[in-house]
């Protein structure tokens, strides 16, 4: 079941990305939408969730323009993991590693 979830999540992630060209003509995957959700896992358990993400961007070098192995964006930190923005939860900047962070990103169906 877990493998099926991971495979489905990968398909959703692929469907939510769009390719853009950076200044040197290389494809960089970014997502622009209205209601993205990023879930971060550790040891197979959900440990962080960011909601209401409107853009997830692949970082690029300032001097060479090369894609960097992390993504960044702004979203509401869902501190209690209830999937809703509560009054005490604020929009924050975040970065995630493409190599070291087990995460699932998807467009919120609600």
Protein backbone atom coordinates (compact mmCIF):
# COMPACT_ATOMS: atom_id res chain seq x y z
CA UNK A 1 0.00 0.00 0.00
CA UNK A 2 2.82 2.41 0.88
CA UNK A 3 4.53 1.74 -2.46
CA UNK A 4 1.27 2.43 -4.28
CA UNK A 5 0.91 5.75 -2.39
CA UNK A 6 4.47 6.80 -3.27
CA UNK A 7 3.96 5.89 -6.93
CA UNK A 8 0.67 7.80 -7.06
CA UNK A 9 2.26 10.79 -5.37
CA UNK A 10 5.09 10.78 -7.91
CA UNK A 11 2.57 10.83 -10.74
CA UNK A 12 0.70 13.72 -9.16
CA UNK A 13 3.93 15.62 -8.68
CA UNK A 14 4.89 15.08 -12.31
CA UNK A 15 1.46 16.25 -13.44
CA UNK A 16 1.69 19.43 -11.34
CA UNK A 17 5.00 20.60 -12.76
CA UNK A 18 5.54 22.69 -15.80
CA UNK A 19 8.81 23.18 -17.59
CA UNK A 20 10.24 26.61 -18.09
CA UNK A 21 13.52 27.69 -19.63
CA UNK A 22 16.18 29.36 -17.57
CA UNK A 23 18.42 32.04 -19.05
CA UNK A 24 20.87 29.51 -20.53
CA UNK A 25 18.16 27.41 -22.17
CA UNK A 26 18.05 24.47 -19.74
CA UNK A 27 14.71 23.05 -18.65
CA UNK A 28 13.87 23.82 -15.02
CA UNK A 29 10.78 22.30 -13.42
CA UNK A 30 8.55 24.71 -11.55
CA UNK A 31 4.96 24.55 -10.41
CA UNK A 32 2.59 27.49 -10.44
CA UNK A 33 -0.94 27.00 -9.20
CA UNK A 34 -3.27 28.20 -6.52
CA UNK A 35 -3.40 25.65 -3.73
CA UNK A 36 -0.36 23.39 -3.51
CA UNK A 37 0.40 21.17 -0.53
CA UNK A 38 3.88 20.00 0.48
CA UNK A 39 4.20 17.17 2.98
CA UNK A 40 7.60 16.34 4.48
CA UNK A 41 8.24 12.88 5.93
CA UNK A 42 10.79 11.45 8.34
CA UNK A 43 10.93 7.76 9.10
CA UNK A 44 7.75 7.27 7.10
CA UNK A 45 5.79 9.72 9.26
CA UNK A 46 4.43 13.12 8.30
CA UNK A 47 6.43 15.75 10.21
CA UNK A 48 5.68 19.04 8.36
CA UNK A 49 2.99 20.28 6.03
CA UNK A 50 2.88 23.52 4.07
CA UNK A 51 -0.46 24.50 2.51
CA UNK A 52 -1.72 27.27 0.19
CA UNK A 53 1.47 27.17 -1.90
CA UNK A 54 1.12 29.18 -5.08
CA UNK A 55 4.57 28.51 -6.53
CA UNK A 56 7.29 25.89 -6.00
CA UNK A 57 10.51 26.81 -7.78
CA UNK A 58 13.76 25.00 -8.52
CA UNK A 59 16.64 27.17 -7.34
CA UNK A 60 19.30 28.29 -9.79
CA UNK A 61 22.76 29.72 -9.28
CA UNK A 62 23.07 33.49 -9.35
CA UNK A 63 26.29 33.47 -11.35
CA UNK A 64 26.04 30.37 -13.53
CA UNK A 65 22.26 29.93 -13.78
CA UNK A 66 22.62 26.20 -13.19
CA UNK A 67 19.78 24.40 -11.39
CA UNK A 68 20.49 23.74 -7.73
CA UNK A 69 19.42 20.56 -5.89
CA UNK A 70 16.71 22.26 -3.87
CA UNK A 71 13.31 23.84 -4.31
CA UNK A 72 11.79 26.81 -2.51
CA UNK A 73 8.49 28.54 -2.05
CA UNK A 74 6.09 30.25 0.30
CA UNK A 75 3.25 28.50 2.07
CA UNK A 76 1.32 28.39 5.30
CA UNK A 77 3.01 26.16 7.89
CA UNK A 78 0.25 23.79 9.00
CA UNK A 79 1.60 23.40 12.53
CA UNK A 80 -1.10 21.03 13.79
CA UNK A 81 -1.23 19.03 10.51
CA UNK A 82 -5.00 19.38 10.20
CA UNK A 83 -4.89 20.44 6.54
CA UNK A 84 -6.53 23.83 7.20
CA UNK A 85 -5.15 27.29 7.84
CA UNK A 86 -5.85 28.23 11.43
CA UNK A 87 -5.71 31.82 12.72
CA UNK A 88 -2.35 31.25 14.43
CA UNK A 89 -0.66 29.74 11.32
CA UNK A 90 1.34 32.09 9.11
CA UNK A 91 2.81 32.07 5.63
CA UNK A 92 6.53 31.22 5.67
CA UNK A 93 9.43 30.75 3.26
CA UNK A 94 10.73 27.18 2.96
CA UNK A 95 13.40 25.20 1.12
CA UNK A 96 13.53 21.45 0.50
CA UNK A 97 16.41 19.37 -0.78
CA UNK A 98 15.83 17.26 -3.87
CA UNK A 99 18.23 14.65 -2.43
CA UNK A 100 17.76 14.54 1.32
CA UNK A 101 14.13 15.47 1.92
CA UNK A 102 11.44 12.83 1.49
CA UNK A 103 8.43 14.86 0.42
CA UNK A 104 5.20 14.70 -1.54
CA UNK A 105 3.86 17.75 -3.37
CA UNK A 106 0.36 17.90 -4.79
CA UNK A 107 -2.45 20.29 -5.64
CA UNK A 108 -5.00 20.37 -2.85
CA UNK A 109 -8.26 18.83 -4.09
CA UNK A 110 -10.32 20.97 -1.67
